[in-house]
Amino acid sequence: MFEQEEQRDELLEKIEDLISRKRYAELRDLLLPLEAQDIAGLFMELDDKVPMVFRLLPKEQAVERMKSPTSTATLLL
């Protein structure tokens, strides 16, 4: 998990910025090193952008996120 809430907030701002500028390759590269639980936490904040961000994840990471039947990704997709 993120060491500090400030780190999470900065990452969310960066994600929002990349989405607004349609820089999807950069967004994917930003998400790649994150653990599934970190991505899950971000999904809680991204609301309607979850499906788009989810599609950017490599299949292995996406599957990991979908393993939990109550995951945010599962509920929002």
N, C-alpha and C. Protein backbone atom coordinates (compact mmCIF):
# COMPACT_ATOMS: atom_id res chain seq x y z
N MET A 1 0.84 -1.19 0.00
CA MET A 1 0.00 0.00 0.00
C MET A 1 0.88 1.25 0.00
N PHE A 2 0.24 2.36 -0.26
CA PHE A 2 0.97 3.62 -0.26
C PHE A 2 1.41 3.94 1.15
N GLU A 3 2.64 4.43 1.27
CA GLU A 3 3.18 4.73 2.58
C GLU A 3 2.47 5.90 3.24
N GLN A 4 2.05 6.84 2.43
CA GLN A 4 1.37 8.01 2.97
C GLN A 4 0.19 8.37 2.09
N GLU A 5 -0.79 8.96 2.72
CA GLU A 5 -1.96 9.39 1.97
C GLU A 5 -1.58 10.44 0.92
N GLU A 6 -0.56 11.22 1.24
CA GLU A 6 -0.08 12.24 0.30
C GLU A 6 0.40 11.61 -1.02
N GLN A 7 1.09 10.46 -0.92
CA GLN A 7 1.55 9.76 -2.12
C GLN A 7 0.36 9.34 -2.99
N ARG A 8 -0.67 8.81 -2.34
CA ARG A 8 -1.87 8.37 -3.05
C ARG A 8 -2.55 9.55 -3.73
N ASP A 9 -2.65 10.66 -3.02
CA ASP A 9 -3.29 11.84 -3.58
C ASP A 9 -2.51 12.38 -4.79
N GLU A 10 -1.19 12.39 -4.68
CA GLU A 10 -0.36 12.84 -5.80
C GLU A 10 -0.54 11.93 -7.01
N LEU A 11 -0.60 10.64 -6.76
CA LEU A 11 -0.78 9.68 -7.85
C LEU A 11 -2.15 9.85 -8.49
N LEU A 12 -3.17 10.08 -7.68
CA LEU A 12 -4.51 10.32 -8.23
C LEU A 12 -4.54 11.58 -9.10
N GLU A 13 -3.86 12.62 -8.66
CA GLU A 13 -3.79 13.85 -9.46
C GLU A 13 -3.10 13.58 -10.80
N LYS A 14 -2.03 12.82 -10.75
CA LYS A 14 -1.29 12.48 -11.96
C LYS A 14 -2.18 11.65 -12.90
N ILE A 15 -2.90 10.70 -12.36
CA ILE A 15 -3.81 9.87 -13.16
C ILE A 15 -4.88 10.72 -13.81
N GLU A 16 -5.50 11.60 -13.04
CA GLU A 16 -6.54 12.48 -13.57
C GLU A 16 -5.98 13.36 -14.69
N ASP A 17 -4.76 13.87 -14.49
CA ASP A 17 -4.12 14.71 -15.50
C ASP A 17 -3.88 13.92 -16.79
N LEU A 18 -3.33 12.72 -16.65
CA LEU A 18 -3.04 11.90 -17.83
C LEU A 18 -4.33 11.53 -18.57
N ILE A 19 -5.38 11.26 -17.84
CA ILE A 19 -6.67 10.94 -18.47
C ILE A 19 -7.19 12.15 -19.23
N SER A 20 -7.14 13.31 -18.59
CA SER A 20 -7.67 14.51 -19.25
C SER A 20 -6.88 14.88 -20.50
N ARG A 21 -5.58 14.55 -20.51
CA ARG A 21 -4.74 14.84 -21.68
C ARG A 21 -4.67 13.66 -22.65
N LYS A 22 -5.40 12.61 -22.35
CA LYS A 22 -5.47 11.39 -23.18
C LYS A 22 -4.08 10.80 -23.42
N ARG A 23 -3.29 10.75 -22.37
CA ARG A 23 -1.94 10.18 -22.41
C ARG A 23 -2.01 8.76 -21.83
N TYR A 24 -2.70 7.88 -22.53
CA TYR A 24 -3.01 6.55 -22.02
C TYR A 24 -1.78 5.65 -21.89
N ALA A 25 -0.83 5.76 -22.78
CA ALA A 25 0.39 4.94 -22.67
C ALA A 25 1.17 5.32 -21.41
N GLU A 26 1.25 6.61 -21.14
CA GLU A 26 1.93 7.05 -19.91
C GLU A 26 1.18 6.59 -18.68
N LEU A 27 -0.14 6.62 -18.75
CA LEU A 27 -0.96 6.17 -17.62
C LEU A 27 -0.72 4.68 -17.37
N ARG A 28 -0.70 3.88 -18.44
CA ARG A 28 -0.44 2.45 -18.29
C ARG A 28 0.93 2.23 -17.65
N ASP A 29 1.93 2.98 -18.10
CA ASP A 29 3.27 2.83 -17.54
C ASP A 29 3.31 3.23 -16.06
N LEU A 30 2.50 4.17 -15.68
CA LEU A 30 2.41 4.60 -14.29
C LEU A 30 1.79 3.51 -13.42
N LEU A 31 0.83 2.78 -13.97
CA LEU A 31 0.11 1.74 -13.21
C LEU A 31 0.87 0.42 -13.12
N LEU A 32 1.72 0.13 -14.10
CA LEU A 32 2.38 -1.17 -14.18
C LEU A 32 3.10 -1.60 -12.89
N PRO A 33 3.87 -0.74 -12.24
CA PRO A 33 4.59 -1.20 -11.05
C PRO A 33 3.73 -1.33 -9.79
N LEU A 34 2.48 -0.91 -9.85
CA LEU A 34 1.63 -0.93 -8.66
C LEU A 34 1.10 -2.32 -8.37
N GLU A 35 0.94 -2.61 -7.09
CA GLU A 35 0.33 -3.86 -6.64
C GLU A 35 -1.18 -3.78 -6.85
N ALA A 36 -1.81 -4.94 -6.95
CA ALA A 36 -3.26 -5.01 -7.17
C ALA A 36 -4.02 -4.25 -6.08
N GLN A 37 -3.58 -4.37 -4.83
CA GLN A 37 -4.29 -3.69 -3.74
C GLN A 37 -4.16 -2.17 -3.84
N ASP A 38 -3.04 -1.68 -4.36
CA ASP A 38 -2.88 -0.25 -4.56
C ASP A 38 -3.82 0.25 -5.66
N ILE A 39 -3.90 -0.52 -6.73
CA ILE A 39 -4.81 -0.16 -7.82
C ILE A 39 -6.25 -0.18 -7.33
N ALA A 40 -6.58 -1.15 -6.51
CA ALA A 40 -7.94 -1.23 -5.95
C ALA A 40 -8.26 0.02 -5.16
N GLY A 41 -7.31 0.48 -4.38
CA GLY A 41 -7.53 1.71 -3.61
C GLY A 41 -7.74 2.92 -4.50
N LEU A 42 -7.02 2.96 -5.60
CA LEU A 42 -7.19 4.06 -6.54
C LEU A 42 -8.55 3.99 -7.22
N PHE A 43 -9.00 2.78 -7.52
CA PHE A 43 -10.31 2.62 -8.16
C PHE A 43 -11.43 3.22 -7.32
N MET A 44 -11.27 3.15 -6.01
CA MET A 44 -12.30 3.69 -5.11
C MET A 44 -12.48 5.20 -5.33
N GLU A 45 -11.42 5.85 -5.79
CA GLU A 45 -11.45 7.30 -5.99
C GLU A 45 -11.75 7.72 -7.42
N LEU A 46 -11.60 6.81 -8.37
CA LEU A 46 -11.71 7.19 -9.78
C LEU A 46 -13.13 7.15 -10.34
N ASP A 47 -14.06 6.59 -9.63
CA ASP A 47 -15.47 6.56 -10.00
C ASP A 47 -15.71 6.11 -11.44
N ASP A 48 -16.21 7.00 -12.28
CA ASP A 48 -16.61 6.65 -13.64
C ASP A 48 -15.44 6.38 -14.58
N LYS A 49 -14.23 6.63 -14.12
CA LYS A 49 -13.05 6.39 -14.97
C LYS A 49 -12.50 4.98 -14.80
N VAL A 50 -13.05 4.22 -13.86
CA VAL A 50 -12.54 2.88 -13.58
C VAL A 50 -12.53 1.98 -14.82
N PRO A 51 -13.61 1.88 -15.58
CA PRO A 51 -13.56 0.97 -16.74
C PRO A 51 -12.44 1.30 -17.73
N MET A 52 -12.22 2.57 -17.98
CA MET A 52 -11.18 2.97 -18.92
C MET A 52 -9.80 2.63 -18.36
N VAL A 53 -9.56 2.93 -17.10
CA VAL A 53 -8.27 2.64 -16.48
C VAL A 53 -8.07 1.12 -16.40
N PHE A 54 -9.11 0.39 -16.09
CA PHE A 54 -9.03 -1.06 -16.00
C PHE A 54 -8.58 -1.67 -17.33
N ARG A 55 -9.09 -1.15 -18.43
CA ARG A 55 -8.73 -1.67 -19.75
C ARG A 55 -7.27 -1.43 -20.09
N LEU A 56 -6.64 -0.47 -19.45
CA LEU A 56 -5.23 -0.20 -19.69
C LEU A 56 -4.30 -1.20 -19.02
N LEU A 57 -4.80 -1.90 -18.02
CA LEU A 57 -3.97 -2.84 -17.28
C LEU A 57 -3.65 -4.08 -18.12
N PRO A 58 -2.45 -4.61 -17.94
CA PRO A 58 -2.14 -5.89 -18.59
C PRO A 58 -3.10 -6.97 -18.07
N LYS A 59 -3.34 -7.97 -18.87
CA LYS A 59 -4.32 -9.00 -18.50
C LYS A 59 -4.04 -9.61 -17.12
N GLU A 60 -2.77 -9.87 -16.81
CA GLU A 60 -2.44 -10.49 -15.52
C GLU A 60 -2.87 -9.60 -14.36
N GLN A 61 -2.62 -8.31 -14.49
CA GLN A 61 -2.99 -7.38 -13.43
C GLN A 61 -4.50 -7.24 -13.36
N ALA A 62 -5.16 -7.22 -14.47
CA ALA A 62 -6.62 -7.10 -14.49
C ALA A 62 -7.25 -8.32 -13.85
N VAL A 63 -6.73 -9.49 -14.16
CA VAL A 63 -7.26 -10.72 -13.56
C VAL A 63 -7.09 -10.69 -12.06
N GLU A 64 -5.94 -10.25 -11.60
CA GLU A 64 -5.68 -10.15 -10.17
C GLU A 64 -6.72 -9.25 -9.49
N ARG A 65 -7.08 -8.16 -10.15
CA ARG A 65 -8.08 -7.23 -9.60
C ARG A 65 -9.46 -7.85 -9.58
N MET A 66 -9.75 -8.73 -10.54
CA MET A 66 -11.10 -9.30 -10.64
C MET A 66 -11.28 -10.53 -9.76
N LYS A 67 -10.26 -11.02 -9.13
CA LYS A 67 -10.38 -12.23 -8.31
C LYS A 67 -11.36 -12.06 -7.18
N SER A 68 -11.42 -10.90 -6.61
CA SER A 68 -12.34 -10.66 -5.51
C SER A 68 -13.71 -10.29 -6.07
N PRO A 69 -14.75 -11.07 -5.72
CA PRO A 69 -16.08 -10.79 -6.27
C PRO A 69 -16.66 -9.46 -5.80
N THR A 70 -16.11 -8.88 -4.76
CA THR A 70 -16.60 -7.59 -4.28
C THR A 70 -15.67 -6.45 -4.64
N SER A 71 -14.72 -6.71 -5.51
CA SER A 71 -13.78 -5.65 -5.86
C SER A 71 -14.52 -4.51 -6.54
N THR A 72 -13.98 -3.33 -6.41
CA THR A 72 -14.58 -2.16 -7.03
C THR A 72 -14.67 -2.33 -8.55
N ALA A 73 -13.63 -2.91 -9.12
CA ALA A 73 -13.63 -3.11 -10.57
C ALA A 73 -14.79 -4.02 -10.98
N THR A 74 -14.99 -5.08 -10.25
CA THR A 74 -16.08 -6.01 -10.56
C THR A 74 -17.42 -5.30 -10.45
N LEU A 75 -17.59 -4.53 -9.40
CA LEU A 75 -18.88 -3.84 -9.20
C LEU A 75 -19.14 -2.77 -10.23
N LEU A 76 -18.10 -2.05 -10.65
CA LEU A 76 -18.28 -0.94 -11.56
C LEU A 76 -18.28 -1.35 -13.03
N LEU A 77 -17.69 -2.49 -13.33
CA LEU A 77 -17.69 -2.94 -14.72
C LEU A 77 -18.95 -3.69 -14.97
